[in-house]
Structures are given as structure tokens and as C-alpha cells.
Amino acid sequence: MSLDETCLSNGEVYTILTNKAAHGGKGALAAMVRGVASDVVSNILMMVPRELRRSVKTVTTDLSSAMMLTVRTVFPKARLINDRFHVQQLMTDAIDQMRIAFRWVVLAEENKAIKEHRAKRKAAKTKTEKDLIGEWVPQKMPNGETKPQIMARSRHIILMHKSKWNDQQRERAAILFQMFPDLEKAYNLYLQLVDIFNKKSKPAAARLNLARWYNSVEAFGYDGFNKVIETFENHNDTIINYFEDRLTNASAESFNAKIKAFRTQFRGVGDIKFFMYRLATLYS
């Protein structure tokens, strides 16, 4: 089973329980509960007969504490698994925060350069001196982009594996990492984490690999990664459970996308009850 959340309309969030075995077809939708509070969702799911709930073997979720509490309450016999892609996303989000901090540095440097250039032109006493100073021209990097442009356009580079970069992104990444070597080191730590999840390791070996990775992250010394490490350590067992069956929340994300496409097809959700009825008819 998979537990996820989605927003239908007007900011209303629903918790969705799906069955992986249905592969997104008939029987995929097991339950859809309004809200995300653990006690509310648990009370609804507890209406399912106890024998059925105890027969559930695995449940995948993101790193939400509320969802994990729901799983432990409703499915006491199930192995709880944190989705690896949400785990990896936590790391990329922290790296992106580092990129944003560097972006502000670059913008501050550019603003300072513009201010100094204007001061020089203002101080010029003749038109000839002003012409010699000329208009301010931003520094262009080898790929033709300015530093602020590179910083703004590097977000997608940080959020994906380098094997998926195109030629333009590779050139931009090379310039970015040359300007900020620490950003490259942080990105390489993310790649190491991806490699750990990609290896078909047993849980014991994966636990050891993650412990070594924790040490590398701590040695890097970036404060923004402290919360990442703390989260990983707090949910270490449920993260390691991924290496038992290598299950992810991909089926739930796919089903969530179906719901959004269904919603778009009807230009939004005007009648929530009828919309839920149609979902239940098609997928429950």
C-alpha cells in the first residue's frame, strides 16, 4: 500500500491510500480521507476490518511524521518504508538553499559594480571622460550568460542527476561549480546518496554505507545539512526498510497525477461529492 496526499480545490487536502498491486487501475483507490491529521485519518481507516488491516505487509510514505503515525496506528503489522525519492529531495532542497544564498552574493556584487560605475560617470567632468567610461556592461561568462543568469538558471541542474544534463546544462554547471566549489562538493554528496540507493545492497550494508555518508556530510561542515542528517537519523529504520523490498511511493505519485489530470479535464472540481463518486467508480 501507499499513503500520499493531494489537493483537489480551494486548498482542501485529502489523504489517499492506494494499492500498489492494482497498478493504477481498478482497485487502486483503497481510501480517500479529507484532511491530513493523523487522528482524523486513522479514525476513518480504522473502519476497515481488523483482519484486512493486519494483512497489509508494506506501506510506503514520504517523511511526514503524521503519515507515519497513521500507518503505525492503522496497519500494525505492516513494514513502514520511507520513499527514497522524498529522502533524496530533502538533500537537493538543502543544496538549493545553498545555491540561493550564493545567488544573493552574486546579485549584491553586481549591484555594487553598477553603483560604482554610476559614481565614476557622475564624477566625470567632461563628456569625453564619460564616453571613455561608457555604459555599464555586465560580465559575460564563457557560455554567454551573466553570473546572475547562471545562478537563476542552475536550479534545475541542482535538482537532477548529472547523467540527465544536456550539453547546455553541463556547460552551465561547469561555470557554476568553478565559481562556487563548495556547491560542487555539496552536489557530489547528493550523487553519493543516489548511488547508495541505486546499489542493490542488503539492509545491513546500506546502513553502513549511509553511516559513512553521514560522516562525509558532517565533515563538509555546512549548517544547512544538519537538519537533513537529523531527519535521516530520526527515521533511519524506515529509510533502511527500502532496501528490503526496494518499494517506493511512485505508484501513489502516479495515481495523484491521474487525479490532477482528471480534475483538469473537468476544469476543476465544482461538486466534491460527485467528483469523489466518479473516482470511486473508476478506481476503487
C-alpha atoms as a PDB file:
ATOM      1  CA  MET A   1       0.000   0.000   0.000  1.00  0.00           C
ATOM      2  CA  SER A   2       0.979   3.656  -0.410  1.00  0.00           C
ATOM      3  CA  LEU A   3      -0.103   6.707   1.568  1.00  0.00           C
ATOM      4  CA  ASP A   4       0.030  10.154  -0.031  1.00  0.00           C
ATOM      5  CA  GLU A   5      -1.849  13.454  -0.073  1.00  0.00           C
ATOM      6  CA  THR A   6      -3.374  15.615  -2.795  1.00  0.00           C
ATOM      7  CA  CYS A   7      -5.173  18.942  -3.116  1.00  0.00           C
ATOM      8  CA  LEU A   8      -8.481  18.977  -5.004  1.00  0.00           C
ATOM      9  CA  SER A   9      -9.700  22.590  -4.823  1.00  0.00           C
ATOM     10  CA  ASN A  10      -9.662  25.673  -2.624  1.00  0.00           C
ATOM     11  CA  GLY A  11      -6.663  24.342  -0.717  1.00  0.00           C
ATOM     12  CA  GLU A  12      -8.531  21.289   0.595  1.00  0.00           C
ATOM     13  CA  VAL A  13      -6.055  18.467   1.176  1.00  0.00           C
ATOM     14  CA  TYR A  14      -7.018  14.794   1.077  1.00  0.00           C
ATOM     15  CA  THR A  15      -5.097  11.740   2.218  1.00  0.00           C
ATOM     16  CA  ILE A  16      -5.083   8.921  -0.325  1.00  0.00           C
ATOM     17  CA  LEU A  17      -4.443   5.243   0.387  1.00  0.00           C
ATOM     18  CA  THR A  18      -3.679   3.248  -2.758  1.00  0.00           C
ATOM     19  CA  ASN A  19      -2.978  -0.380  -3.540  1.00  0.00           C
ATOM     20  CA  LYS A  20       0.248  -0.935  -5.488  1.00  0.00           C
ATOM     21  CA  ALA A  21      -0.950  -4.298  -6.790  1.00  0.00           C
ATOM     22  CA  ALA A  22      -3.671  -2.604  -8.882  1.00  0.00           C
ATOM     23  CA  HIS A  23      -1.033  -0.680 -10.895  1.00  0.00           C
ATOM     24  CA  GLY A  24      -3.188   2.445 -11.076  1.00  0.00           C
ATOM     25  CA  GLY A  25      -6.260   0.673 -12.442  1.00  0.00           C
ATOM     26  CA  LYS A  26      -9.451  -0.699 -10.956  1.00  0.00           C
ATOM     27  CA  GLY A  27      -8.936  -1.384  -7.264  1.00  0.00           C
ATOM     28  CA  ALA A  28      -6.077   1.112  -6.883  1.00  0.00           C
ATOM     29  CA  LEU A  29      -8.026   3.529  -4.678  1.00  0.00           C
ATOM     30  CA  ALA A  30      -8.456   1.988  -1.231  1.00  0.00           C
ATOM     31  CA  ALA A  31      -9.477   5.129   0.670  1.00  0.00           C
ATOM     32  CA  MET A  32      -9.606   8.911   0.313  1.00  0.00           C
ATOM     33  CA  VAL A  33      -9.967  10.926   3.507  1.00  0.00           C
ATOM     34  CA  ARG A  34     -10.462  14.663   3.839  1.00  0.00           C
ATOM     35  CA  GLY A  35      -7.582  16.151   5.840  1.00  0.00           C
ATOM     36  CA  VAL A  36      -4.111  15.003   6.832  1.00  0.00           C
ATOM     37  CA  ALA A  37      -4.305  14.996  10.643  1.00  0.00           C
ATOM     38  CA  SER A  38      -3.246  11.587  11.885  1.00  0.00           C
ATOM     39  CA  ASP A  39      -6.134  11.134  14.331  1.00  0.00           C
ATOM     40  CA  VAL A  40      -8.747  12.066  11.705  1.00  0.00           C
ATOM     41  CA  VAL A  41      -7.310   9.815   9.004  1.00  0.00           C
ATOM     42  CA  SER A  42      -6.678   6.959  11.437  1.00  0.00           C
ATOM     43  CA  ASN A  43     -10.263   7.027  12.746  1.00  0.00           C
ATOM     44  CA  ILE A  44     -11.616   6.642   9.209  1.00  0.00           C
ATOM     45  CA  LEU A  45      -9.187   3.906   8.176  1.00  0.00           C
ATOM     46  CA  MET A  46      -9.854   2.005  11.387  1.00  0.00           C
ATOM     47  CA  MET A  47     -13.328   1.319   9.993  1.00  0.00           C
ATOM     48  CA  VAL A  48     -11.676  -1.235   7.702  1.00  0.00           C
ATOM     49  CA  PRO A  49     -11.979  -4.712   9.270  1.00  0.00           C
ATOM     50  CA  ARG A  50      -9.071  -5.516  11.577  1.00  0.00           C
ATOM     51  CA  GLU A  51      -8.180  -8.700   9.678  1.00  0.00           C
ATOM     52  CA  LEU A  52      -7.739  -6.767   6.427  1.00  0.00           C
ATOM     53  CA  ARG A  53      -5.619  -4.090   8.067  1.00  0.00           C
ATOM     54  CA  ARG A  54      -3.371  -6.661   9.718  1.00  0.00           C
ATOM     55  CA  SER A  55      -2.866  -8.410   6.367  1.00  0.00           C
ATOM     56  CA  VAL A  56      -1.132  -5.357   4.862  1.00  0.00           C
ATOM     57  CA  LYS A  57       2.587  -6.171   4.569  1.00  0.00           C
ATOM     58  CA  THR A  58       4.150  -2.866   3.498  1.00  0.00           C
ATOM     59  CA  VAL A  59       3.144   0.799   3.340  1.00  0.00           C
ATOM     60  CA  THR A  60       5.256   3.481   1.655  1.00  0.00           C
ATOM     61  CA  THR A  61       5.036   7.157   2.643  1.00  0.00           C
ATOM     62  CA  ASP A  62       7.041  10.337   2.444  1.00  0.00           C
ATOM     63  CA  LEU A  63       8.855  11.691   5.510  1.00  0.00           C
ATOM     64  CA  SER A  64       5.689  13.121   7.078  1.00  0.00           C
ATOM     65  CA  SER A  65       5.539  12.222  10.781  1.00  0.00           C
ATOM     66  CA  ALA A  66       1.736  12.408  10.680  1.00  0.00           C
ATOM     67  CA  MET A  67       1.514   9.861   7.873  1.00  0.00           C
ATOM     68  CA  MET A  68       3.977   7.530   9.570  1.00  0.00           C
ATOM     69  CA  LEU A  69       1.942   7.706  12.784  1.00  0.00           C
ATOM     70  CA  THR A  70      -1.185   6.863  10.790  1.00  0.00           C
ATOM     71  CA  VAL A  71       0.491   3.800   9.292  1.00  0.00           C
ATOM     72  CA  ARG A  72       1.701   2.544  12.669  1.00  0.00           C
ATOM     73  CA  THR A  73      -1.759   3.033  14.164  1.00  0.00           C
ATOM     74  CA  VAL A  74      -3.854   1.524  11.369  1.00  0.00           C
ATOM     75  CA  PHE A  75      -1.511  -1.128   9.972  1.00  0.00           C
ATOM     76  CA  PRO A  76       0.385  -2.505  12.993  1.00  0.00           C
ATOM     77  CA  LYS A  77       1.809  -5.496  11.080  1.00  0.00           C
ATOM     78  CA  ALA A  78       2.991  -3.542   8.035  1.00  0.00           C
ATOM     79  CA  ARG A  79       6.602  -2.609   7.350  1.00  0.00           C
ATOM     80  CA  LEU A  80       6.802   1.185   7.049  1.00  0.00           C
ATOM     81  CA  ILE A  81       9.014   2.412   4.205  1.00  0.00           C
ATOM     82  CA  ASN A  82      10.078   5.998   3.538  1.00  0.00           C
ATOM     83  CA  ASP A  83      10.064   6.780  -0.164  1.00  0.00           C
ATOM     84  CA  ARG A  84      13.657   7.095  -1.376  1.00  0.00           C
ATOM     85  CA  PHE A  85      12.846   9.986  -3.714  1.00  0.00           C
ATOM     86  CA  HIS A  86      11.496  12.095  -0.862  1.00  0.00           C
ATOM     87  CA  VAL A  87      14.651  11.262   1.080  1.00  0.00           C
ATOM     88  CA  GLN A  88      16.804  12.405  -1.834  1.00  0.00           C
ATOM     89  CA  GLN A  89      14.665  15.511  -2.310  1.00  0.00           C
ATOM     90  CA  LEU A  90      15.445  16.585   1.240  1.00  0.00           C
ATOM     91  CA  MET A  91      19.118  16.726   0.251  1.00  0.00           C
ATOM     92  CA  THR A  92      18.525  18.577  -3.027  1.00  0.00           C
ATOM     93  CA  ASP A  93      16.345  21.134  -1.222  1.00  0.00           C
ATOM     94  CA  ALA A  94      19.207  21.838   1.203  1.00  0.00           C
ATOM     95  CA  ILE A  95      21.661  22.216  -1.700  1.00  0.00           C
ATOM     96  CA  ASP A  96      19.245  24.562  -3.470  1.00  0.00           C
ATOM     97  CA  GLN A  97      19.161  26.733  -0.343  1.00  0.00           C
ATOM     98  CA  MET A  98      22.938  26.969  -0.634  1.00  0.00           C
ATOM     99  CA  ARG A  99      22.581  27.979  -4.288  1.00  0.00           C
ATOM    100  CA  ILE A 100      20.079  30.683  -3.328  1.00  0.00           C
ATOM    101  CA  ALA A 101      22.490  32.059  -0.710  1.00  0.00           C
ATOM    102  CA  PHE A 102      25.246  32.253  -3.339  1.00  0.00           C
ATOM    103  CA  ARG A 103      22.805  33.876  -5.748  1.00  0.00           C
ATOM    104  CA  TRP A 104      22.242  36.739  -3.290  1.00  0.00           C
ATOM    105  CA  VAL A 105      26.025  37.152  -3.059  1.00  0.00           C
ATOM    106  CA  VAL A 106      26.257  37.420  -6.856  1.00  0.00           C
ATOM    107  CA  LEU A 107      23.389  39.928  -7.009  1.00  0.00           C
ATOM    108  CA  ALA A 108      24.999  42.018  -4.275  1.00  0.00           C
ATOM    109  CA  GLU A 109      28.302  42.065  -6.186  1.00  0.00           C
ATOM    110  CA  GLU A 110      26.538  43.125  -9.388  1.00  0.00           C
ATOM    111  CA  ASN A 111      24.604  45.900  -7.620  1.00  0.00           C
ATOM    112  CA  LYS A 112      27.846  47.129  -6.073  1.00  0.00           C
ATOM    113  CA  ALA A 113      29.543  47.159  -9.501  1.00  0.00           C
ATOM    114  CA  ILE A 114      26.641  49.121 -11.029  1.00  0.00           C
ATOM    115  CA  LYS A 115      26.727  51.651  -8.191  1.00  0.00           C
ATOM    116  CA  GLU A 116      30.489  52.145  -8.530  1.00  0.00           C
ATOM    117  CA  HIS A 117      30.169  52.570 -12.298  1.00  0.00           C
ATOM    118  CA  ARG A 118      27.465  55.207 -11.900  1.00  0.00           C
ATOM    119  CA  ALA A 119      29.614  57.024  -9.347  1.00  0.00           C
ATOM    120  CA  LYS A 120      32.506  57.141 -11.831  1.00  0.00           C
ATOM    121  CA  ARG A 121      30.300  58.564 -14.588  1.00  0.00           C
ATOM    122  CA  LYS A 122      28.866  61.112 -12.185  1.00  0.00           C
ATOM    123  CA  ALA A 123      32.355  62.164 -11.132  1.00  0.00           C
ATOM    124  CA  ALA A 124      33.470  62.640 -14.754  1.00  0.00           C
ATOM    125  CA  LYS A 125      33.935  66.312 -15.527  1.00  0.00           C
ATOM    126  CA  THR A 126      33.681  66.222 -19.306  1.00  0.00           C
ATOM    127  CA  LYS A 127      31.631  64.383 -21.905  1.00  0.00           C
ATOM    128  CA  THR A 128      34.833  62.816 -23.230  1.00  0.00           C
ATOM    129  CA  GLU A 129      35.589  61.304 -19.822  1.00  0.00           C
ATOM    130  CA  LYS A 130      32.032  59.952 -19.630  1.00  0.00           C
ATOM    131  CA  ASP A 131      32.327  58.437 -23.099  1.00  0.00           C
ATOM    132  CA  LEU A 132      35.581  56.750 -22.084  1.00  0.00           C
ATOM    133  CA  ILE A 133      33.886  55.237 -19.049  1.00  0.00           C
ATOM    134  CA  GLY A 134      30.966  54.174 -21.216  1.00  0.00           C
ATOM    135  CA  GLU A 135      27.734  52.455 -20.202  1.00  0.00           C
ATOM    136  CA  TRP A 136      27.831  49.679 -17.657  1.00  0.00           C
ATOM    137  CA  VAL A 137      28.100  46.238 -19.258  1.00  0.00           C
ATOM    138  CA  PRO A 138      27.580  43.104 -17.148  1.00  0.00           C
ATOM    139  CA  GLN A 139      30.312  40.486 -17.140  1.00  0.00           C
ATOM    140  CA  LYS A 140      29.563  37.652 -19.538  1.00  0.00           C
ATOM    141  CA  MET A 141      30.684  34.136 -18.749  1.00  0.00           C
ATOM    142  CA  PRO A 142      32.053  31.709 -21.404  1.00  0.00           C
ATOM    143  CA  ASN A 143      28.550  30.442 -22.252  1.00  0.00           C
ATOM    144  CA  GLY A 144      27.291  33.993 -22.890  1.00  0.00           C
ATOM    145  CA  GLU A 145      25.252  34.263 -19.690  1.00  0.00           C
ATOM    146  CA  THR A 146      25.827  36.696 -16.851  1.00  0.00           C
ATOM    147  CA  LYS A 147      26.551  35.457 -13.320  1.00  0.00           C
ATOM    148  CA  PRO A 148      23.019  36.253 -12.050  1.00  0.00           C
ATOM    149  CA  GLN A 149      21.558  34.397 -15.038  1.00  0.00           C
ATOM    150  CA  ILE A 150      23.677  31.344 -14.303  1.00  0.00           C
ATOM    151  CA  MET A 151      22.648  31.372 -10.647  1.00  0.00           C
ATOM    152  CA  ALA A 152      18.951  31.678 -11.527  1.00  0.00           C
ATOM    153  CA  ARG A 153      19.054  29.022 -14.251  1.00  0.00           C
ATOM    154  CA  SER A 154      21.032  26.488 -12.226  1.00  0.00           C
ATOM    155  CA  ARG A 155      18.096  25.411 -10.070  1.00  0.00           C
ATOM    156  CA  HIS A 156      17.164  22.510 -12.346  1.00  0.00           C
ATOM    157  CA  ILE A 157      20.797  21.444 -12.520  1.00  0.00           C
ATOM    158  CA  ILE A 158      20.904  21.041  -8.751  1.00  0.00           C
ATOM    159  CA  LEU A 159      17.614  19.132  -8.652  1.00  0.00           C
ATOM    160  CA  MET A 160      18.536  16.412 -11.151  1.00  0.00           C
ATOM    161  CA  HIS A 161      21.244  13.806 -11.614  1.00  0.00           C
ATOM    162  CA  LYS A 162      24.115  14.935 -13.822  1.00  0.00           C
ATOM    163  CA  SER A 163      23.516  11.983 -16.154  1.00  0.00           C
ATOM    164  CA  LYS A 164      20.322  13.783 -17.270  1.00  0.00           C
ATOM    165  CA  TRP A 165      22.008  17.111 -18.049  1.00  0.00           C
ATOM    166  CA  ASN A 166      22.034  18.299 -21.653  1.00  0.00           C
ATOM    167  CA  ASP A 167      25.081  19.987 -23.195  1.00  0.00           C
ATOM    168  CA  GLN A 168      23.887  23.464 -22.232  1.00  0.00           C
ATOM    169  CA  GLN A 169      23.339  22.422 -18.624  1.00  0.00           C
ATOM    170  CA  ARG A 170      26.731  20.720 -18.427  1.00  0.00           C
ATOM    171  CA  GLU A 171      28.438  23.913 -19.620  1.00  0.00           C
ATOM    172  CA  ARG A 172      26.444  25.990 -17.132  1.00  0.00           C
ATOM    173  CA  ALA A 173      27.240  23.552 -14.313  1.00  0.00           C
ATOM    174  CA  ALA A 174      30.968  23.729 -15.058  1.00  0.00           C
ATOM    175  CA  ILE A 175      30.898  27.530 -14.748  1.00  0.00           C
ATOM    176  CA  LEU A 176      28.719  27.396 -11.627  1.00  0.00           C
ATOM    177  CA  PHE A 177      30.991  24.931  -9.841  1.00  0.00           C
ATOM    178  CA  GLN A 178      34.092  26.889 -10.865  1.00  0.00           C
ATOM    179  CA  MET A 179      32.605  29.991  -9.227  1.00  0.00           C
ATOM    180  CA  PHE A 180      31.476  28.114  -6.111  1.00  0.00           C
ATOM    181  CA  PRO A 181      33.496  24.924  -5.451  1.00  0.00           C
ATOM    182  CA  ASP A 182      31.556  24.272  -2.228  1.00  0.00           C
ATOM    183  CA  LEU A 183      28.383  23.944  -4.268  1.00  0.00           C
ATOM    184  CA  GLU A 184      30.028  21.237  -6.357  1.00  0.00           C
ATOM    185  CA  LYS A 185      31.140  19.385  -3.211  1.00  0.00           C
ATOM    186  CA  ALA A 186      27.590  19.545  -1.857  1.00  0.00           C
ATOM    187  CA  TYR A 187      26.182  18.293  -5.160  1.00  0.00           C
ATOM    188  CA  ASN A 188      28.649  15.393  -5.157  1.00  0.00           C
ATOM    189  CA  LEU A 189      27.359  14.421  -1.713  1.00  0.00           C
ATOM    190  CA  TYR A 190      23.884  14.208  -3.241  1.00  0.00           C
ATOM    191  CA  LEU A 191      25.226  11.958  -6.013  1.00  0.00           C
ATOM    192  CA  GLN A 192      26.779   9.695  -3.373  1.00  0.00           C
ATOM    193  CA  LEU A 193      23.385   9.386  -1.690  1.00  0.00           C
ATOM    194  CA  VAL A 194      21.743   8.454  -5.016  1.00  0.00           C
ATOM    195  CA  ASP A 195      24.427   5.820  -5.602  1.00  0.00           C
ATOM    196  CA  ILE A 196      23.707   4.268  -2.184  1.00  0.00           C
ATOM    197  CA  PHE A 197      20.025   3.913  -3.076  1.00  0.00           C
ATOM    198  CA  ASN A 198      20.815   2.623  -6.572  1.00  0.00           C
ATOM    199  CA  LYS A 199      23.042  -0.166  -5.277  1.00  0.00           C
ATOM    200  CA  LYS A 200      21.195  -3.414  -4.709  1.00  0.00           C
ATOM    201  CA  SER A 201      22.527  -3.671  -1.172  1.00  0.00           C
ATOM    202  CA  LYS A 202      21.176  -5.617   1.756  1.00  0.00           C
ATOM    203  CA  PRO A 203      19.835  -3.509   4.659  1.00  0.00           C
ATOM    204  CA  ALA A 204      22.942  -4.107   6.812  1.00  0.00           C
ATOM    205  CA  ALA A 205      25.289  -2.968   4.036  1.00  0.00           C
ATOM    206  CA  ALA A 206      23.056   0.001   3.232  1.00  0.00           C
ATOM    207  CA  ARG A 207      23.042   1.049   6.887  1.00  0.00           C
ATOM    208  CA  LEU A 208      26.848   1.036   6.896  1.00  0.00           C
ATOM    209  CA  ASN A 209      27.011   2.994   3.622  1.00  0.00           C
ATOM    210  CA  LEU A 210      24.599   5.611   4.969  1.00  0.00           C
ATOM    211  CA  ALA A 211      26.620   5.917   8.201  1.00  0.00           C
ATOM    212  CA  ARG A 212      29.758   6.640   6.152  1.00  0.00           C
ATOM    213  CA  TRP A 213      27.785   9.143   4.089  1.00  0.00           C
ATOM    214  CA  TYR A 214      26.618  10.877   7.282  1.00  0.00           C
ATOM    215  CA  ASN A 215      30.257  11.271   8.283  1.00  0.00           C
ATOM    216  CA  SER A 216      31.101  12.835   4.905  1.00  0.00           C
ATOM    217  CA  VAL A 217      28.216  15.296   5.200  1.00  0.00           C
ATOM    218  CA  GLU A 218      29.204  16.262   8.742  1.00  0.00           C
ATOM    219  CA  ALA A 219      32.827  16.715   7.641  1.00  0.00           C
ATOM    220  CA  PHE A 220      31.632  19.083   4.908  1.00  0.00           C
ATOM    221  CA  GLY A 221      30.519  21.401   7.687  1.00  0.00           C
ATOM    222  CA  TYR A 222      27.533  23.168   6.098  1.00  0.00           C
ATOM    223  CA  ASP A 223      24.932  24.100   8.726  1.00  0.00           C
ATOM    224  CA  GLY A 224      22.074  23.640   6.273  1.00  0.00           C
ATOM    225  CA  PHE A 225      22.782  19.906   6.132  1.00  0.00           C
ATOM    226  CA  ASN A 226      22.426  19.436   9.895  1.00  0.00           C
ATOM    227  CA  LYS A 227      18.632  19.203   9.685  1.00  0.00           C
ATOM    228  CA  VAL A 228      18.950  16.746   6.818  1.00  0.00           C
ATOM    229  CA  ILE A 229      21.182  14.464   8.871  1.00  0.00           C
ATOM    230  CA  GLU A 230      18.918  14.798  11.911  1.00  0.00           C
ATOM    231  CA  THR A 231      15.884  13.802   9.837  1.00  0.00           C
ATOM    232  CA  PHE A 232      17.730  10.835   8.354  1.00  0.00           C
ATOM    233  CA  GLU A 233      18.856   9.667  11.774  1.00  0.00           C
ATOM    234  CA  ASN A 234      15.355  10.068  13.264  1.00  0.00           C
ATOM    235  CA  HIS A 235      13.870   7.919  10.503  1.00  0.00           C
ATOM    236  CA  ASN A 236      16.846   5.661   9.941  1.00  0.00           C
ATOM    237  CA  ASP A 237      14.947   2.372  10.307  1.00  0.00           C
ATOM    238  CA  THR A 238      12.126   3.322   7.934  1.00  0.00           C
ATOM    239  CA  ILE A 239      14.642   4.628   5.378  1.00  0.00           C
ATOM    240  CA  ILE A 240      16.639   1.403   5.614  1.00  0.00           C
ATOM    241  CA  ASN A 241      13.427  -0.610   5.092  1.00  0.00           C
ATOM    242  CA  TYR A 242      13.579   0.483   1.448  1.00  0.00           C
ATOM    243  CA  PHE A 243      16.462  -1.947   0.912  1.00  0.00           C
ATOM    244  CA  GLU A 244      14.299  -4.925   1.934  1.00  0.00           C
ATOM    245  CA  ASP A 245      11.833  -4.787  -0.970  1.00  0.00           C
ATOM    246  CA  ARG A 246      13.015  -1.638  -2.794  1.00  0.00           C
ATOM    247  CA  LEU A 247       9.486  -0.213  -2.811  1.00  0.00           C
ATOM    248  CA  THR A 248       8.817   3.484  -3.456  1.00  0.00           C
ATOM    249  CA  ASN A 249       5.846   5.840  -3.447  1.00  0.00           C
ATOM    250  CA  ALA A 250       5.961   6.096  -7.249  1.00  0.00           C
ATOM    251  CA  SER A 251       2.577   4.378  -7.669  1.00  0.00           C
ATOM    252  CA  ALA A 252       0.961   6.894  -5.292  1.00  0.00           C
ATOM    253  CA  GLU A 253       2.560   9.824  -7.135  1.00  0.00           C
ATOM    254  CA  SER A 254       1.336   8.370 -10.430  1.00  0.00           C
ATOM    255  CA  PHE A 255      -2.186   7.997  -9.091  1.00  0.00           C
ATOM    256  CA  ASN A 256      -2.022  11.546  -7.734  1.00  0.00           C
ATOM    257  CA  ALA A 257      -1.137  12.728 -11.242  1.00  0.00           C
ATOM    258  CA  LYS A 258      -4.174  10.859 -12.594  1.00  0.00           C
ATOM    259  CA  ILE A 259      -6.433  12.667 -10.154  1.00  0.00           C
ATOM    260  CA  LYS A 260      -4.977  16.035 -11.175  1.00  0.00           C
ATOM    261  CA  ALA A 261      -5.418  15.197 -14.864  1.00  0.00           C
ATOM    262  CA  PHE A 262      -8.991  14.095 -14.159  1.00  0.00           C
ATOM    263  CA  ARG A 263      -9.589  17.373 -12.337  1.00  0.00           C
ATOM    264  CA  THR A 264      -8.124  19.376 -15.237  1.00  0.00           C
ATOM    265  CA  GLN A 265     -10.313  17.516 -17.726  1.00  0.00           C
ATOM    266  CA  PHE A 266     -13.399  18.814 -15.952  1.00  0.00           C
ATOM    267  CA  ARG A 267     -11.898  22.291 -15.443  1.00  0.00           C
ATOM    268  CA  GLY A 268     -11.695  21.960 -11.677  1.00  0.00           C
ATOM    269  CA  VAL A 269     -13.863  20.363  -9.040  1.00  0.00           C
ATOM    270  CA  GLY A 270     -17.235  22.031  -8.682  1.00  0.00           C
ATOM    271  CA  ASP A 271     -19.041  19.243  -6.882  1.00  0.00           C
ATOM    272  CA  ILE A 272     -16.667  17.455  -4.487  1.00  0.00           C
ATOM    273  CA  LYS A 273     -19.105  14.630  -3.689  1.00  0.00           C
ATOM    274  CA  PHE A 274     -19.768  13.826  -7.333  1.00  0.00           C
ATOM    275  CA  PHE A 275     -16.067  14.036  -8.142  1.00  0.00           C
ATOM    276  CA  MET A 276     -15.283  11.563  -5.335  1.00  0.00           C
ATOM    277  CA  TYR A 277     -18.084   9.290  -6.562  1.00  0.00           C
ATOM    278  CA  ARG A 278     -16.581   9.200 -10.053  1.00  0.00           C
ATOM    279  CA  LEU A 279     -13.108   8.460  -8.676  1.00  0.00           C
ATOM    280  CA  ALA A 280     -14.525   5.646  -6.565  1.00  0.00           C
ATOM    281  CA  THR A 281     -16.425   4.232  -9.541  1.00  0.00           C
ATOM    282  CA  LEU A 282     -13.366   4.189 -11.752  1.00  0.00           C
ATOM    283  CA  TYR A 283     -10.586   3.251  -9.331  1.00  0.00           C
ATOM    284  CA  SER A 284     -11.944   1.775  -6.102  1.00  0.00           C
END
